[in-house]
């Protein structure tokens, strides 16, 4: 039997690919928006979700909707509907972007840590599940 060992760079890339997948899964799962202790809603941070919220905010900002009076029914990823307006949408987008930035920072830090590893054992035992950001946000405007 012939055993072919991958070099360290290949092993590192495999771990980085796993980390990227974790980041994408967390991004797509999204954030949990907490309204005090009374309610919690889940909102994806995927590109589609970001595009949808930005489109509605653009409608407000271009005058299609009145920013002070117009409300809409927003359906969260967990199936719950909530009546929200401009201020709530701004806050949700702020939370999404904050979480995404933290995810990218965590991914970058994992990559740097992996790049610094010098043995096969260290690479294989690297814990890819540590140091990801919390996805809970407390709203102030609902």
N, C-alpha and C. Protein backbone atom coordinates (compact mmCIF):
# COMPACT_ATOMS: atom_id res chain seq x y z
N UNK A 1 0.84 -1.18 0.00
CA UNK A 1 0.00 0.00 0.00
C UNK A 1 0.89 1.24 0.00
N UNK A 2 0.57 2.15 -0.88
CA UNK A 2 1.32 3.40 -0.96
C UNK A 2 0.51 4.48 -0.26
N UNK A 3 1.16 5.17 0.65
CA UNK A 3 0.53 6.27 1.37
C UNK A 3 1.14 7.57 0.88
N UNK A 4 0.29 8.43 0.36
CA UNK A 4 0.77 9.73 -0.12
C UNK A 4 0.37 10.78 0.90
N UNK A 5 1.36 11.44 1.44
CA UNK A 5 1.08 12.49 2.41
C UNK A 5 0.97 13.83 1.71
N UNK A 6 -0.03 14.57 2.09
CA UNK A 6 -0.17 15.92 1.56
C UNK A 6 0.81 16.83 2.28
N UNK A 7 1.24 17.85 1.59
CA UNK A 7 2.16 18.78 2.24
C UNK A 7 1.38 19.71 3.17
N UNK A 8 2.12 20.45 3.97
CA UNK A 8 1.48 21.32 4.98
C UNK A 8 0.56 22.35 4.34
N UNK A 9 0.94 22.89 3.21
CA UNK A 9 0.09 23.91 2.58
C UNK A 9 -1.26 23.33 2.15
N UNK A 10 -1.27 22.09 1.69
CA UNK A 10 -2.54 21.45 1.32
C UNK A 10 -3.42 21.22 2.55
N UNK A 11 -2.80 20.77 3.63
CA UNK A 11 -3.55 20.57 4.87
C UNK A 11 -4.12 21.88 5.38
N UNK A 12 -3.30 22.91 5.34
CA UNK A 12 -3.77 24.24 5.78
C UNK A 12 -4.93 24.71 4.93
N UNK A 13 -4.86 24.50 3.62
CA UNK A 13 -5.94 24.93 2.74
C UNK A 13 -7.23 24.16 3.03
N UNK A 14 -7.12 22.89 3.35
CA UNK A 14 -8.31 22.10 3.70
C UNK A 14 -9.00 22.69 4.94
N UNK A 15 -8.20 23.05 5.93
CA UNK A 15 -8.77 23.64 7.15
C UNK A 15 -9.37 25.01 6.84
N UNK A 16 -8.70 25.80 6.03
CA UNK A 16 -9.23 27.11 5.64
C UNK A 16 -10.57 26.95 4.90
N UNK A 17 -10.67 25.95 4.06
CA UNK A 17 -11.93 25.71 3.35
C UNK A 17 -13.06 25.39 4.34
N UNK A 18 -12.74 24.63 5.37
CA UNK A 18 -13.74 24.32 6.40
C UNK A 18 -14.15 25.58 7.15
N UNK A 19 -13.19 26.42 7.43
CA UNK A 19 -13.48 27.68 8.13
C UNK A 19 -14.35 28.58 7.27
N UNK A 20 -14.03 28.64 5.99
CA UNK A 20 -14.85 29.46 5.08
C UNK A 20 -16.29 28.94 5.04
N UNK A 21 -16.46 27.64 5.04
CA UNK A 21 -17.81 27.07 5.05
C UNK A 21 -18.54 27.43 6.34
N UNK A 22 -17.87 27.37 7.47
CA UNK A 22 -18.50 27.77 8.74
C UNK A 22 -18.93 29.22 8.65
N UNK A 23 -18.06 30.09 8.13
CA UNK A 23 -18.40 31.50 8.01
C UNK A 23 -19.62 31.69 7.12
N UNK A 24 -19.67 31.01 5.99
CA UNK A 24 -20.82 31.14 5.08
C UNK A 24 -22.10 30.60 5.74
N UNK A 25 -22.00 29.50 6.46
CA UNK A 25 -23.17 28.95 7.15
C UNK A 25 -23.69 29.93 8.20
N UNK A 26 -22.78 30.53 8.96
CA UNK A 26 -23.18 31.50 9.98
C UNK A 26 -23.79 32.75 9.33
N UNK A 27 -23.23 33.17 8.22
CA UNK A 27 -23.74 34.32 7.48
C UNK A 27 -25.17 34.03 6.99
N UNK A 28 -25.37 32.86 6.41
CA UNK A 28 -26.68 32.51 5.89
C UNK A 28 -27.70 32.28 7.00
N UNK A 29 -27.26 31.71 8.13
CA UNK A 29 -28.18 31.54 9.25
C UNK A 29 -28.58 32.91 9.79
N UNK A 30 -27.60 33.79 9.95
CA UNK A 30 -27.88 35.17 10.29
C UNK A 30 -27.85 35.51 11.76
N UNK A 31 -28.63 36.54 12.06
CA UNK A 31 -28.64 37.10 13.41
C UNK A 31 -29.97 36.82 14.09
N UNK A 32 -29.92 36.87 15.40
CA UNK A 32 -31.13 36.76 16.22
C UNK A 32 -31.41 38.14 16.78
N UNK A 33 -32.55 38.68 16.43
CA UNK A 33 -32.94 40.00 16.89
C UNK A 33 -33.86 39.81 18.09
N UNK A 34 -33.41 40.30 19.23
CA UNK A 34 -34.14 40.14 20.48
C UNK A 34 -34.85 41.43 20.84
N UNK A 35 -36.12 41.31 21.15
CA UNK A 35 -36.92 42.44 21.61
C UNK A 35 -37.07 42.25 23.12
N UNK A 36 -36.10 42.79 23.86
CA UNK A 36 -36.08 42.54 25.31
C UNK A 36 -36.11 41.05 25.56
N UNK A 37 -36.98 40.65 26.47
CA UNK A 37 -37.14 39.22 26.75
C UNK A 37 -38.46 38.70 26.18
N UNK A 38 -39.13 39.52 25.37
CA UNK A 38 -40.47 39.14 24.90
C UNK A 38 -40.50 38.43 23.56
N UNK A 39 -39.54 38.69 22.68
CA UNK A 39 -39.58 38.07 21.36
C UNK A 39 -38.18 37.97 20.77
N UNK A 40 -38.05 37.01 19.85
CA UNK A 40 -36.79 36.84 19.14
C UNK A 40 -37.12 36.48 17.69
N UNK A 41 -36.41 37.11 16.76
CA UNK A 41 -36.61 36.88 15.34
C UNK A 41 -35.27 36.55 14.70
N UNK A 42 -35.29 35.64 13.71
CA UNK A 42 -34.05 35.29 13.02
C UNK A 42 -34.05 35.93 11.64
N UNK A 43 -32.91 36.55 11.31
CA UNK A 43 -32.77 37.24 10.05
C UNK A 43 -31.46 36.85 9.39
N UNK A 44 -31.55 36.26 8.19
CA UNK A 44 -30.36 35.87 7.45
C UNK A 44 -29.51 37.09 7.12
N UNK A 45 -28.21 36.87 6.97
CA UNK A 45 -27.30 37.93 6.53
C UNK A 45 -26.72 37.59 5.16
N UNK A 46 -27.41 36.72 4.44
CA UNK A 46 -26.96 36.34 3.10
C UNK A 46 -27.00 37.54 2.17
N UNK A 47 -26.38 37.41 1.03
CA UNK A 47 -26.37 38.49 0.05
C UNK A 47 -27.81 38.83 -0.37
N UNK A 48 -28.65 37.84 -0.53
CA UNK A 48 -30.05 38.08 -0.89
C UNK A 48 -30.76 38.87 0.20
N UNK A 49 -30.55 38.50 1.45
CA UNK A 49 -31.19 39.22 2.56
C UNK A 49 -30.71 40.66 2.63
N UNK A 50 -29.41 40.87 2.45
CA UNK A 50 -28.86 42.23 2.47
C UNK A 50 -29.42 43.06 1.31
N UNK A 51 -29.56 42.44 0.15
CA UNK A 51 -30.11 43.13 -1.01
C UNK A 51 -31.57 43.52 -0.76
N UNK A 52 -32.34 42.61 -0.17
CA UNK A 52 -33.76 42.89 0.10
C UNK A 52 -33.92 44.07 1.06
N UNK A 53 -33.19 44.05 2.15
CA UNK A 53 -33.35 45.13 3.13
C UNK A 53 -32.86 46.45 2.55
N UNK A 54 -31.78 46.41 1.75
CA UNK A 54 -31.27 47.65 1.15
C UNK A 54 -32.27 48.20 0.13
N UNK A 55 -32.95 47.33 -0.61
CA UNK A 55 -33.94 47.79 -1.58
C UNK A 55 -35.08 48.53 -0.90
N UNK A 56 -35.54 48.00 0.24
CA UNK A 56 -36.63 48.68 0.96
C UNK A 56 -36.13 49.99 1.54
N UNK A 57 -34.92 50.00 2.10
CA UNK A 57 -34.36 51.25 2.61
C UNK A 57 -34.20 52.28 1.49
N UNK A 58 -33.79 51.83 0.31
CA UNK A 58 -33.67 52.74 -0.83
C UNK A 58 -35.03 53.34 -1.20
N UNK A 59 -36.07 52.52 -1.11
CA UNK A 59 -37.42 53.02 -1.40
C UNK A 59 -37.80 54.12 -0.41
N UNK A 60 -37.48 53.92 0.84
CA UNK A 60 -37.73 54.97 1.85
C UNK A 60 -36.91 56.21 1.51
N UNK A 61 -35.62 56.02 1.28
CA UNK A 61 -34.72 57.16 1.08
C UNK A 61 -35.00 57.93 -0.20
N UNK A 62 -35.58 57.28 -1.19
CA UNK A 62 -35.89 57.98 -2.45
C UNK A 62 -37.28 58.60 -2.44
N UNK A 63 -38.01 58.46 -1.33
CA UNK A 63 -39.31 59.09 -1.21
C UNK A 63 -40.49 58.23 -1.64
N UNK A 64 -40.24 56.99 -2.03
CA UNK A 64 -41.34 56.10 -2.38
C UNK A 64 -42.23 55.86 -1.16
N UNK A 65 -41.59 55.67 -0.01
CA UNK A 65 -42.31 55.52 1.26
C UNK A 65 -41.94 56.69 2.17
N UNK A 66 -42.87 57.12 2.96
CA UNK A 66 -42.63 58.18 3.94
C UNK A 66 -41.88 57.58 5.13
N UNK A 67 -40.70 58.10 5.42
CA UNK A 67 -39.86 57.55 6.49
C UNK A 67 -40.46 57.72 7.88
N UNK A 68 -41.40 58.64 8.03
CA UNK A 68 -41.97 58.88 9.36
C UNK A 68 -43.27 58.14 9.61
N UNK A 69 -43.98 57.73 8.54
CA UNK A 69 -45.30 57.12 8.77
C UNK A 69 -45.49 55.75 8.15
N UNK A 70 -44.77 55.43 7.08
CA UNK A 70 -45.04 54.18 6.38
C UNK A 70 -44.43 52.99 7.10
N UNK A 71 -45.24 51.97 7.33
CA UNK A 71 -44.76 50.72 7.92
C UNK A 71 -45.10 49.57 6.96
N UNK A 72 -44.42 48.47 7.14
CA UNK A 72 -44.66 47.30 6.30
C UNK A 72 -44.56 46.04 7.14
N UNK A 73 -45.08 44.97 6.58
CA UNK A 73 -44.98 43.67 7.24
C UNK A 73 -43.67 43.01 6.80
N UNK A 74 -42.79 42.82 7.73
CA UNK A 74 -41.50 42.19 7.43
C UNK A 74 -41.57 40.75 7.90
N UNK A 75 -41.24 39.82 6.99
CA UNK A 75 -41.23 38.41 7.34
C UNK A 75 -39.80 37.98 7.63
N UNK A 76 -39.58 37.54 8.85
CA UNK A 76 -38.26 37.06 9.25
C UNK A 76 -38.06 35.63 8.78
N UNK A 77 -36.83 35.16 8.83
CA UNK A 77 -36.50 33.82 8.34
C UNK A 77 -37.15 32.71 9.14
N UNK A 78 -37.57 33.00 10.35
CA UNK A 78 -38.23 31.98 11.16
C UNK A 78 -39.74 31.97 10.91
N UNK A 79 -40.21 32.76 9.93
CA UNK A 79 -41.62 32.76 9.56
C UNK A 79 -42.48 33.80 10.26
N UNK A 80 -41.91 34.52 11.21
CA UNK A 80 -42.69 35.51 11.95
C UNK A 80 -42.79 36.82 11.16
N UNK A 81 -43.99 37.42 11.22
CA UNK A 81 -44.22 38.73 10.62
C UNK A 81 -44.23 39.78 11.70
N UNK A 82 -43.61 40.93 11.40
CA UNK A 82 -43.58 42.04 12.34
C UNK A 82 -43.80 43.33 11.55
N UNK A 83 -44.61 44.22 12.10
CA UNK A 83 -44.81 45.53 11.49
C UNK A 83 -43.63 46.41 11.87
N UNK A 84 -42.91 46.88 10.84
CA UNK A 84 -41.73 47.71 11.09
C UNK A 84 -41.72 48.89 10.14
N UNK A 85 -40.90 49.86 10.46
CA UNK A 85 -40.74 51.04 9.63
C UNK A 85 -39.28 51.31 9.34
N UNK A 86 -39.04 52.51 8.89
CA UNK A 86 -37.71 52.93 8.44
C UNK A 86 -36.65 52.77 9.53
N UNK A 87 -36.95 53.24 10.71
CA UNK A 87 -35.97 53.20 11.80
C UNK A 87 -35.59 51.76 12.15
N UNK A 88 -36.57 50.87 12.19
CA UNK A 88 -36.30 49.46 12.50
C UNK A 88 -35.44 48.81 11.40
N UNK A 89 -35.75 49.12 10.14
CA UNK A 89 -34.95 48.58 9.04
C UNK A 89 -33.50 49.05 9.11
N UNK A 90 -33.31 50.33 9.42
CA UNK A 90 -31.95 50.85 9.57
C UNK A 90 -31.20 50.09 10.67
N UNK A 91 -31.87 49.87 11.79
CA UNK A 91 -31.23 49.18 12.89
C UNK A 91 -30.90 47.74 12.52
N UNK A 92 -31.80 47.07 11.82
CA UNK A 92 -31.55 45.68 11.41
C UNK A 92 -30.37 45.61 10.44
N UNK A 93 -30.29 46.55 9.50
CA UNK A 93 -29.16 46.57 8.58
C UNK A 93 -27.85 46.82 9.33
N UNK A 94 -27.89 47.69 10.30
CA UNK A 94 -26.71 47.96 11.12
C UNK A 94 -26.25 46.68 11.82
N UNK A 95 -27.20 45.92 12.38
CA UNK A 95 -26.86 44.66 13.05
C UNK A 95 -26.26 43.67 12.05
N UNK A 96 -26.89 43.56 10.87
CA UNK A 96 -26.39 42.64 9.86
C UNK A 96 -24.95 42.96 9.48
N UNK A 97 -24.69 44.22 9.22
CA UNK A 97 -23.35 44.62 8.79
C UNK A 97 -22.33 44.45 9.91
N UNK A 98 -22.73 44.72 11.13
CA UNK A 98 -21.84 44.51 12.28
C UNK A 98 -21.46 43.03 12.39
N UNK A 99 -22.46 42.18 12.29
CA UNK A 99 -22.22 40.74 12.40
C UNK A 99 -21.34 40.24 11.25
N UNK A 100 -21.62 40.68 10.04
CA UNK A 100 -20.81 40.27 8.90
C UNK A 100 -19.35 40.68 9.06
N UNK A 101 -19.13 41.90 9.51
CA UNK A 101 -17.76 42.36 9.72
C UNK A 101 -17.05 41.49 10.75
N UNK A 102 -17.77 41.13 11.81
CA UNK A 102 -17.18 40.27 12.84
C UNK A 102 -16.89 38.87 12.29
N UNK A 103 -17.76 38.36 11.41
CA UNK A 103 -17.51 37.05 10.80
C UNK A 103 -16.26 37.09 9.93
N UNK A 104 -16.13 38.14 9.11
CA UNK A 104 -14.95 38.24 8.26
C UNK A 104 -13.68 38.39 9.09
N UNK A 105 -13.77 39.14 10.17
CA UNK A 105 -12.62 39.30 11.06
C UNK A 105 -12.22 37.96 11.69
N UNK A 106 -13.22 37.19 12.12
CA UNK A 106 -12.94 35.88 12.71
C UNK A 106 -12.31 34.95 11.67
N UNK A 107 -12.84 34.97 10.45
CA UNK A 107 -12.28 34.14 9.38
C UNK A 107 -10.82 34.53 9.12
N UNK A 108 -10.57 35.83 9.03
CA UNK A 108 -9.20 36.32 8.80
C UNK A 108 -8.26 35.87 9.92
N UNK A 109 -8.72 35.98 11.16
CA UNK A 109 -7.90 35.57 12.30
C UNK A 109 -7.62 34.07 12.29
N UNK A 110 -8.63 33.27 11.92
CA UNK A 110 -8.40 31.82 11.80
C UNK A 110 -7.34 31.55 10.73
N UNK A 111 -7.45 32.20 9.60
CA UNK A 111 -6.47 31.98 8.53
C UNK A 111 -5.06 32.32 8.99
N UNK A 112 -4.93 33.43 9.70
CA UNK A 112 -3.60 33.82 10.20
C UNK A 112 -3.06 32.79 11.19
N UNK A 113 -3.95 32.29 12.05
CA UNK A 113 -3.52 31.26 13.01
C UNK A 113 -3.08 29.99 12.29
N UNK A 114 -3.82 29.60 11.29
CA UNK A 114 -3.47 28.39 10.54
C UNK A 114 -2.15 28.59 9.80
N UNK A 115 -1.97 29.75 9.22
CA UNK A 115 -0.72 30.02 8.50
C UNK A 115 0.49 29.92 9.42
N UNK A 116 0.30 30.18 10.70
CA UNK A 116 1.43 30.15 11.64
C UNK A 116 1.75 28.73 12.13
N UNK A 117 0.89 27.77 11.84
CA UNK A 117 1.13 26.40 12.31
C UNK A 117 2.24 25.75 11.49
N UNK A 118 3.06 24.95 12.18
CA UNK A 118 4.25 24.40 11.51
C UNK A 118 4.30 22.88 11.48
N UNK A 119 3.32 22.21 12.09
CA UNK A 119 3.34 20.74 12.08
C UNK A 119 2.00 20.20 11.62
N UNK A 120 2.02 18.99 11.08
CA UNK A 120 0.81 18.32 10.65
C UNK A 120 -0.14 18.12 11.84
N UNK A 121 0.42 17.77 12.98
CA UNK A 121 -0.40 17.53 14.17
C UNK A 121 -1.13 18.81 14.60
N UNK A 122 -0.42 19.91 14.57
CA UNK A 122 -1.03 21.19 14.96
C UNK A 122 -2.15 21.57 13.99
N UNK A 123 -1.94 21.33 12.72
CA UNK A 123 -2.96 21.65 11.73
C UNK A 123 -4.18 20.75 11.92
N UNK A 124 -3.94 19.48 12.09
CA UNK A 124 -5.05 18.53 12.26
C UNK A 124 -5.83 18.76 13.54
N UNK A 125 -5.19 19.28 14.57
CA UNK A 125 -5.88 19.48 15.85
C UNK A 125 -6.41 20.90 16.02
N UNK A 126 -6.26 21.75 15.01
CA UNK A 126 -6.73 23.13 15.11
C UNK A 126 -8.24 23.14 15.29
N UNK A 127 -8.71 23.91 16.27
CA UNK A 127 -10.15 23.97 16.58
C UNK A 127 -10.81 25.07 15.75
N UNK A 128 -11.52 24.66 14.72
CA UNK A 128 -12.16 25.61 13.81
C UNK A 128 -13.45 26.20 14.38
N UNK A 129 -13.89 25.70 15.51
CA UNK A 129 -15.17 26.15 16.08
C UNK A 129 -15.02 27.25 17.13
N UNK A 130 -13.81 27.65 17.43
CA UNK A 130 -13.59 28.67 18.44
C UNK A 130 -13.61 30.08 17.82
N UNK A 131 -13.93 31.05 18.68
CA UNK A 131 -13.75 32.47 18.38
C UNK A 131 -14.63 33.02 17.25
N UNK A 132 -15.84 32.50 17.13
CA UNK A 132 -16.80 33.08 16.21
C UNK A 132 -17.67 34.07 16.98
N UNK A 133 -18.14 35.13 16.33
CA UNK A 133 -18.91 36.15 17.06
C UNK A 133 -20.31 35.67 17.45
N UNK A 134 -20.82 36.29 18.49
CA UNK A 134 -22.19 36.07 18.93
C UNK A 134 -23.12 36.70 17.91
N UNK A 135 -24.24 36.05 17.63
CA UNK A 135 -25.17 36.59 16.64
C UNK A 135 -26.45 37.16 17.26
N UNK A 136 -26.43 37.43 18.55
CA UNK A 136 -27.59 38.00 19.24
C UNK A 136 -27.50 39.51 19.31
N UNK A 137 -28.59 40.17 18.92
CA UNK A 137 -28.66 41.63 18.97
C UNK A 137 -29.96 42.03 19.65
N UNK A 138 -29.86 43.05 20.46
CA UNK A 138 -31.01 43.58 21.18
C UNK A 138 -31.48 44.85 20.49
N UNK A 139 -32.74 44.85 20.04
CA UNK A 139 -33.25 46.03 19.34
C UNK A 139 -33.69 47.08 20.35
N UNK A 140 -33.62 48.31 19.91
CA UNK A 140 -34.05 49.41 20.76
C UNK A 140 -35.25 50.14 20.20
N UNK A 141 -35.63 49.82 18.95
CA UNK A 141 -36.68 50.60 18.31
C UNK A 141 -37.96 49.83 18.00
N UNK A 142 -38.04 48.56 18.33
CA UNK A 142 -39.27 47.80 18.02
C UNK A 142 -40.36 48.15 19.00
